Amino acid sequence: IHSKVCKQLPPCPLPLAPRNGGLVCVTIGNAQYCKPMCNK
């Protein structure tokens, strides 16, 4: 599921999970959007 909020974030080269398995999540209204954290 892609949202306008996700499209505004810098894209990750690959959807690799971080070493700590952490996710960055944001709650908008009744929906929660999560994606692997990218540190580049």
PDB file of N, CA and C in Angstrom:
ATOM      1  N   ILE A   1       0.861  -1.195   0.000  1.00  0.00           N
ATOM      2  CA  ILE A   1       0.000   0.000   0.000  1.00  0.00           C
ATOM      3  C   ILE A   1       0.892   1.237   0.000  1.00  0.00           C
ATOM      4  N   HIS A   2       0.683   2.100  -0.980  1.00  0.00           N
ATOM      5  CA  HIS A   2       1.473   3.331  -1.052  1.00  0.00           C
ATOM      6  C   HIS A   2       0.588   4.514  -0.687  1.00  0.00           C
ATOM      7  N   SER A   3       1.137   5.439   0.051  1.00  0.00           N
ATOM      8  CA  SER A   3       0.388   6.635   0.426  1.00  0.00           C
ATOM      9  C   SER A   3       1.174   7.867   0.020  1.00  0.00           C
ATOM     10  N   LYS A   4       0.498   9.007  -0.013  1.00  0.00           N
ATOM     11  CA  LYS A   4       1.165  10.252  -0.382  1.00  0.00           C
ATOM     12  C   LYS A   4       2.289  10.566   0.608  1.00  0.00           C
ATOM     13  N   VAL A   5       2.089  10.184   1.869  1.00  0.00           N
ATOM     14  CA  VAL A   5       3.100  10.446   2.890  1.00  0.00           C
ATOM     15  C   VAL A   5       4.349   9.640   2.586  1.00  0.00           C
ATOM     16  N   CYS A   6       4.179   8.369   2.183  1.00  0.00           N
ATOM     17  CA  CYS A   6       5.336   7.526   1.896  1.00  0.00           C
ATOM     18  C   CYS A   6       6.075   8.054   0.665  1.00  0.00           C
ATOM     19  N   LYS A   7       5.328   8.550  -0.313  1.00  0.00           N
ATOM     20  CA  LYS A   7       5.962   9.029  -1.532  1.00  0.00           C
ATOM     21  C   LYS A   7       6.803  10.272  -1.266  1.00  0.00           C
ATOM     22  N   GLN A   8       6.504  11.001  -0.188  1.00  0.00           N
ATOM     23  CA  GLN A   8       7.271  12.193   0.139  1.00  0.00           C
ATOM     24  C   GLN A   8       8.590  11.836   0.811  1.00  0.00           C
ATOM     25  N   LEU A   9       8.708  10.604   1.317  1.00  0.00           N
ATOM     26  CA  LEU A   9       9.935  10.196   1.993  1.00  0.00           C
ATOM     27  C   LEU A   9      10.963   9.766   0.975  1.00  0.00           C
ATOM     28  N   PRO A  10      12.247   9.937   1.284  1.00  0.00           N
ATOM     29  CA  PRO A  10      13.297   9.476   0.370  1.00  0.00           C
ATOM     30  C   PRO A  10      13.195   7.961   0.199  1.00  0.00           C
ATOM     31  N   PRO A  11      13.180   7.450  -1.024  1.00  0.00           N
ATOM     32  CA  PRO A  11      13.028   6.022  -1.257  1.00  0.00           C
ATOM     33  C   PRO A  11      14.284   5.256  -0.852  1.00  0.00           C
ATOM     34  N   CYS A  12      14.070   4.027  -0.390  1.00  0.00           N
ATOM     35  CA  CYS A  12      15.212   3.178  -0.046  1.00  0.00           C
ATOM     36  C   CYS A  12      15.676   2.478  -1.313  1.00  0.00           C
ATOM     37  N   PRO A  13      16.984   2.291  -1.477  1.00  0.00           N
ATOM     38  CA  PRO A  13      17.488   1.548  -2.638  1.00  0.00           C
ATOM     39  C   PRO A  13      16.892   0.144  -2.667  1.00  0.00           C
ATOM     40  N   LEU A  14      16.843  -0.512  -1.494  1.00  0.00           N
ATOM     41  CA  LEU A  14      16.258  -1.844  -1.377  1.00  0.00           C
ATOM     42  C   LEU A  14      15.483  -1.912  -0.066  1.00  0.00           C
ATOM     43  N   PRO A  15      14.358  -2.614  -0.066  1.00  0.00           N
ATOM     44  CA  PRO A  15      13.543  -2.725   1.158  1.00  0.00           C
ATOM     45  C   PRO A  15      14.177  -3.684   2.153  1.00  0.00           C
ATOM     46  N   LEU A  16      15.422  -3.391   2.542  1.00  0.00           N
ATOM     47  CA  LEU A  16      16.120  -4.248   3.490  1.00  0.00           C
ATOM     48  C   LEU A  16      15.742  -3.862   4.913  1.00  0.00           C
ATOM     49  N   ALA A  17      15.532  -4.877   5.738  1.00  0.00           N
ATOM     50  CA  ALA A  17      15.215  -4.607   7.138  1.00  0.00           C
ATOM     51  C   ALA A  17      16.481  -4.190   7.867  1.00  0.00           C
ATOM     52  N   PRO A  18      16.415  -3.196   8.727  1.00  0.00           N
ATOM     53  CA  PRO A  18      17.590  -2.760   9.481  1.00  0.00           C
ATOM     54  C   PRO A  18      18.042  -3.847  10.451  1.00  0.00           C
ATOM     55  N   ARG A  19      19.253  -3.721  10.960  1.00  0.00           N
ATOM     56  CA  ARG A  19      19.805  -4.750  11.844  1.00  0.00           C
ATOM     57  C   ARG A  19      18.928  -4.933  13.074  1.00  0.00           C
ATOM     58  N   ASN A  20      18.397  -3.832  13.605  1.00  0.00           N
ATOM     59  CA  ASN A  20      17.583  -3.943  14.814  1.00  0.00           C
ATOM     60  C   ASN A  20      16.137  -4.307  14.474  1.00  0.00           C
ATOM     61  N   GLY A  21      15.824  -4.480  13.183  1.00  0.00           N
ATOM     62  CA  GLY A  21      14.476  -4.866  12.774  1.00  0.00           C
ATOM     63  C   GLY A  21      13.452  -3.777  13.057  1.00  0.00           C
ATOM     64  N   GLY A  22      13.928  -2.541  13.204  1.00  0.00           N
ATOM     65  CA  GLY A  22      13.028  -1.454  13.550  1.00  0.00           C
ATOM     66  C   GLY A  22      12.237  -0.963  12.350  1.00  0.00           C
ATOM     67  N   LEU A  23      11.061  -0.402  12.634  1.00  0.00           N
ATOM     68  CA  LEU A  23      10.239   0.190  11.581  1.00  0.00           C
ATOM     69  C   LEU A  23       9.919   1.617  11.993  1.00  0.00           C
ATOM     70  N   VAL A  24       9.815   2.481  10.987  1.00  0.00           N
ATOM     71  CA  VAL A  24       9.353   3.835  11.272  1.00  0.00           C
ATOM     72  C   VAL A  24       7.874   3.873  10.919  1.00  0.00           C
ATOM     73  N   CYS A  25       7.040   4.202  11.901  1.00  0.00           N
ATOM     74  CA  CYS A  25       5.593   4.166  11.690  1.00  0.00           C
ATOM     75  C   CYS A  25       4.998   5.528  11.991  1.00  0.00           C
ATOM     76  N   VAL A  26       3.960   5.860  11.239  1.00  0.00           N
ATOM     77  CA  VAL A  26       3.242   7.105  11.486  1.00  0.00           C
ATOM     78  C   VAL A  26       1.751   6.812  11.410  1.00  0.00           C
ATOM     79  N   THR A  27       0.989   7.373  12.333  1.00  0.00           N
ATOM     80  CA  THR A  27      -0.452   7.153  12.349  1.00  0.00           C
ATOM     81  C   THR A  27      -1.152   8.388  11.824  1.00  0.00           C
ATOM     82  N   ILE A  28      -1.947   8.192  10.772  1.00  0.00           N
ATOM     83  CA  ILE A  28      -2.695   9.296  10.169  1.00  0.00           C
ATOM     84  C   ILE A  28      -4.169   8.921  10.208  1.00  0.00           C
ATOM     85  N   GLY A  29      -4.929   9.649  10.996  1.00  0.00           N
ATOM     86  CA  GLY A  29      -6.342   9.327  11.121  1.00  0.00           C
ATOM     87  C   GLY A  29      -6.491   7.955  11.769  1.00  0.00           C
ATOM     88  N   ASN A  30      -7.132   7.017  11.046  1.00  0.00           N
ATOM     89  CA  ASN A  30      -7.320   5.671  11.575  1.00  0.00           C
ATOM     90  C   ASN A  30      -6.335   4.694  10.962  1.00  0.00           C
ATOM     91  N   ALA A  31      -5.434   5.185  10.091  1.00  0.00           N
ATOM     92  CA  ALA A  31      -4.520   4.294   9.384  1.00  0.00           C
ATOM     93  C   ALA A  31      -3.097   4.477   9.903  1.00  0.00           C
ATOM     94  N   GLN A  32      -2.366   3.371   9.974  1.00  0.00           N
ATOM     95  CA  GLN A  32      -0.965   3.433  10.395  1.00  0.00           C
ATOM     96  C   GLN A  32      -0.103   2.959   9.241  1.00  0.00           C
ATOM     97  N   TYR A  33       0.901   3.756   8.890  1.00  0.00           N
ATOM     98  CA  TYR A  33       1.802   3.414   7.794  1.00  0.00           C
ATOM     99  C   TYR A  33       3.174   3.109   8.373  1.00  0.00           C
ATOM    100  N   CYS A  34       3.756   1.966   7.980  1.00  0.00           N
ATOM    101  CA  CYS A  34       5.074   1.583   8.482  1.00  0.00           C
ATOM    102  C   CYS A  34       5.977   1.231   7.311  1.00  0.00           C
ATOM    103  N   LYS A  35       7.266   1.497   7.459  1.00  0.00           N
ATOM    104  CA  LYS A  35       8.256   1.123   6.458  1.00  0.00           C
ATOM    105  C   LYS A  35       9.564   0.889   7.169  1.00  0.00           C
ATOM    106  N   PRO A  36      10.454   0.053   6.612  1.00  0.00           N
ATOM    107  CA  PRO A  36      11.758  -0.153   7.227  1.00  0.00           C
ATOM    108  C   PRO A  36      12.522   1.164   7.297  1.00  0.00           C
ATOM    109  N   MET A  37      13.272   1.364   8.375  1.00  0.00           N
ATOM    110  CA  MET A  37      14.047   2.592   8.522  1.00  0.00           C
ATOM    111  C   MET A  37      15.210   2.591   7.541  1.00  0.00           C
ATOM    112  N   CYS A  38      15.475   3.737   6.935  1.00  0.00           N
ATOM    113  CA  CYS A  38      16.588   3.859   5.997  1.00  0.00           C
ATOM    114  C   CYS A  38      17.581   4.858   6.567  1.00  0.00           C
ATOM    115  N   ASN A  39      18.818   4.450   6.668  1.00  0.00           N
ATOM    116  CA  ASN A  39      19.872   5.348   7.135  1.00  0.00           C
ATOM    117  C   ASN A  39      20.934   5.443   6.058  1.00  0.00           C
ATOM    118  N   LYS A  40      20.867   6.524   5.271  1.00  0.00           N
ATOM    119  CA  LYS A  40      21.838   6.682   4.190  1.00  0.00           C
ATOM    120  C   LYS A  40      22.330   8.120   4.211  1.00  0.00           C
TER     121      LYS A  40
END
